Protein backbone atom coordinates (compact mmCIF):
# COMPACT_ATOMS: atom_id res chain seq x y z
CA UNK A 1 -17.88 -57.09 50.46
CA UNK A 2 -20.28 -59.37 48.78
CA UNK A 3 -18.97 -62.85 48.28
CA UNK A 4 -20.03 -64.36 44.96
CA UNK A 5 -22.57 -67.21 45.24
CA UNK A 6 -20.03 -69.80 43.99
CA UNK A 7 -17.47 -68.52 46.57
CA UNK A 8 -14.81 -67.93 43.90
CA UNK A 9 -14.61 -64.16 44.35
CA UNK A 10 -16.15 -60.92 45.55
CA UNK A 11 -18.00 -57.88 44.26
CA UNK A 12 -16.17 -54.58 44.77
CA UNK A 13 -17.99 -52.33 47.25
CA UNK A 14 -17.05 -49.22 45.23
CA UNK A 15 -17.63 -50.07 41.54
CA UNK A 16 -19.59 -53.31 42.14
CA UNK A 17 -17.63 -55.26 39.53
CA UNK A 18 -17.05 -58.93 40.23
CA UNK A 19 -13.52 -60.24 40.66
CA UNK A 20 -12.79 -63.92 41.00
CA UNK A 21 -10.37 -66.83 40.90
CA UNK A 22 -6.82 -65.44 41.18
CA UNK A 23 -7.19 -61.80 42.26
CA UNK A 24 -6.09 -59.01 44.59
CA UNK A 25 -8.43 -56.85 46.63
CA UNK A 26 -8.00 -54.23 49.34
CA UNK A 27 -9.87 -54.28 52.62
CA UNK A 28 -10.43 -50.78 54.04
CA UNK A 29 -11.21 -50.45 57.76
CA UNK A 30 -12.21 -46.98 58.98
CA UNK A 31 -11.92 -45.56 62.48
CA UNK A 32 -13.29 -42.16 63.54
CA UNK A 33 -10.74 -39.80 65.10
CA UNK A 34 -11.90 -36.74 67.04
CA UNK A 35 -9.76 -33.67 67.51
CA UNK A 36 -10.46 -31.60 70.63
CA UNK A 37 -8.18 -28.73 71.65
CA UNK A 38 -5.39 -29.95 69.35
CA UNK A 39 -5.57 -33.42 70.94
CA UNK A 40 -6.32 -36.58 69.00
CA UNK A 41 -8.98 -38.69 70.74
CA UNK A 42 -9.29 -42.16 69.27
CA UNK A 43 -12.08 -43.38 71.53
CA UNK A 44 -12.31 -47.13 71.66
CA UNK A 45 -10.84 -47.56 68.18
CA UNK A 46 -13.80 -49.53 66.85
CA UNK A 47 -14.03 -50.02 63.10
CA UNK A 48 -17.06 -48.00 61.94
CA UNK A 49 -16.96 -49.04 58.28
CA UNK A 50 -15.27 -51.86 56.43
CA UNK A 51 -15.29 -52.08 52.63
CA UNK A 52 -13.48 -54.12 50.02
CA UNK A 53 -12.09 -52.48 46.89
CA UNK A 54 -10.91 -54.15 43.67
CA UNK A 55 -7.44 -53.43 42.29
CA UNK A 56 -8.83 -51.13 39.54
CA UNK A 57 -10.57 -48.89 42.10
CA UNK A 58 -7.49 -48.98 44.32
CA UNK A 59 -5.42 -47.66 41.40
CA UNK A 60 -7.86 -44.72 41.07
CA UNK A 61 -7.48 -43.90 44.77
CA UNK A 62 -3.68 -44.23 44.55
CA UNK A 63 -3.70 -41.68 41.73
CA UNK A 64 -5.84 -39.30 43.83
CA UNK A 65 -3.46 -39.68 46.76
CA UNK A 66 -0.41 -39.01 44.57
CA UNK A 67 -1.98 -35.72 43.42
CA UNK A 68 -3.42 -34.59 46.78
CA UNK A 69 -0.81 -35.82 49.25
CA UNK A 70 0.79 -33.22 51.49
CA UNK A 71 3.41 -34.35 53.99
CA UNK A 72 2.63 -33.56 57.62
CA UNK A 73 4.04 -30.23 58.72
CA UNK A 74 4.08 -29.22 62.34
CA UNK A 75 0.75 -30.20 63.87
CA UNK A 76 -1.16 -30.00 60.57
CA UNK A 77 -3.14 -32.99 59.32
CA UNK A 78 -4.23 -33.24 55.69
CA UNK A 79 -6.80 -35.39 53.91
CA UNK A 80 -4.92 -37.82 51.68
CA UNK A 81 -7.78 -37.82 49.13
CA UNK A 82 -8.55 -34.10 48.75
CA UNK A 83 -5.44 -32.45 50.19
CA UNK A 84 -7.62 -30.29 52.44
CA UNK A 85 -6.26 -29.37 55.85
CA UNK A 86 -8.17 -30.92 58.73
CA UNK A 87 -8.87 -28.46 61.58
CA UNK A 88 -7.13 -29.38 64.82
CA UNK A 89 -9.88 -28.09 67.09
CA UNK A 90 -13.27 -29.75 67.52
CA UNK A 91 -13.28 -31.73 64.28
CA UNK A 92 -13.38 -35.32 63.09
CA UNK A 93 -11.47 -37.22 60.49
CA UNK A 94 -11.20 -40.89 59.57
CA UNK A 95 -8.18 -43.13 59.60
CA UNK A 96 -8.37 -45.96 57.11
CA UNK A 97 -6.13 -49.01 57.47
CA UNK A 98 -5.76 -50.75 54.10
CA UNK A 99 -4.99 -54.46 53.94
CA UNK A 100 -3.88 -55.94 50.63
CA UNK A 101 -5.34 -59.43 50.15
CA UNK A 102 -4.11 -61.82 47.45
CA UNK A 103 -6.39 -64.76 46.65
CA UNK A 104 -5.17 -67.62 44.49
CA UNK A 105 -7.60 -70.37 43.47
CA UNK A 106 -5.38 -71.84 40.75
CA UNK A 107 -3.45 -73.85 43.37
CA UNK A 108 -6.44 -74.56 45.66
CA UNK A 109 -6.28 -77.73 47.73
CA UNK A 110 -9.15 -80.06 48.61
CA UNK A 111 -9.60 -79.75 52.38
CA UNK A 112 -11.88 -81.45 54.89
CA UNK A 113 -14.61 -79.03 56.00
CA UNK A 114 -14.76 -80.61 59.46
CA UNK A 115 -11.06 -80.68 60.49
CA UNK A 116 -9.29 -78.73 57.67
CA UNK A 117 -7.07 -81.71 56.81
CA UNK A 118 -5.97 -82.19 53.14
CA UNK A 119 -8.13 -84.78 51.35
CA UNK A 120 -8.04 -86.94 48.24
CA UNK A 121 -11.04 -86.56 45.95
CA UNK A 122 -13.82 -89.17 46.44
CA UNK A 123 -12.21 -90.56 49.61
CA UNK A 124 -13.02 -89.96 53.27
CA UNK A 125 -10.78 -87.69 55.32
CA UNK A 126 -7.78 -89.62 56.66
CA UNK A 127 -7.96 -87.74 59.96
CA UNK A 128 -11.67 -87.60 60.90
CA UNK A 129 -13.43 -89.78 58.29
CA UNK A 130 -15.68 -86.98 56.98
CA UNK A 131 -16.78 -87.07 53.35
CA UNK A 132 -17.43 -83.31 53.16
CA UNK A 133 -14.66 -81.39 51.40
CA UNK A 134 -14.16 -77.99 49.83
CA UNK A 135 -11.40 -76.35 47.83
CA UNK A 136 -9.42 -73.81 49.87
CA UNK A 137 -7.71 -70.96 48.06
CA UNK A 138 -4.32 -69.61 49.07
CA UNK A 139 -4.75 -66.29 50.88
CA UNK A 140 -1.92 -63.85 51.62
CA UNK A 141 -2.67 -60.60 53.46
CA UNK A 142 -0.53 -57.56 54.20
CA UNK A 143 -2.36 -55.68 56.96
CA UNK A 144 0.21 -52.88 56.98
CA UNK A 145 -0.17 -52.07 53.28
CA UNK A 146 -1.30 -48.45 53.62
CA UNK A 147 -2.91 -45.95 56.00
CA UNK A 148 -5.11 -43.21 54.51
CA UNK A 149 -6.48 -40.09 56.21
CA UNK A 150 -9.99 -39.09 55.09
CA UNK A 151 -11.57 -35.75 55.92
CA UNK A 152 -15.16 -35.87 57.17
CA UNK A 153 -16.33 -34.64 53.74
CA UNK A 154 -14.36 -37.23 51.74
CA UNK A 155 -15.49 -40.02 54.08
CA UNK A 156 -19.14 -38.97 53.59
CA UNK A 157 -18.69 -38.96 49.82
CA UNK A 158 -17.13 -42.42 49.89
CA UNK A 159 -19.94 -43.73 52.10
CA UNK A 160 -22.50 -42.30 49.69
CA UNK A 161 -20.79 -43.97 46.69
CA UNK A 162 -20.65 -47.32 48.46
CA UNK A 163 -24.26 -47.18 49.69
CA UNK A 164 -25.96 -45.93 46.52
CA UNK A 165 -25.96 -49.30 44.74
């Protein structure tokens, strides 16, 4: 994610459009999952890639998932983007946790930068006396919004799209 210089929004990591003021974006955190002898090895669970997607791009991915989705059957794992079956022996896939983040600047409050106490414009902070203030947007996040399975191929394609700009 690239925060805009005026701190009122972000640039989408996928399409690179700027979204600002009151907006919704989706934070995608990827973890590599290895399959060895039909056993899922998660390793240390570190996030290997984190990207932020605007709501327009998220709608495109939702449409792809609706078309490609195959419910789990037995031990089979499917890519939610392509629908391809992921081999259960000696392969890798990527688990993406999607967090929906709603940012609202229209009801932003002036807050002290030093102690995060509400302030009145052109007056020192009533708690710490600081004169440095900034507007703080309302942020609501749903970190259980969606989980997406990416095959190695689809993950590589996404990485390429994100990195080509």
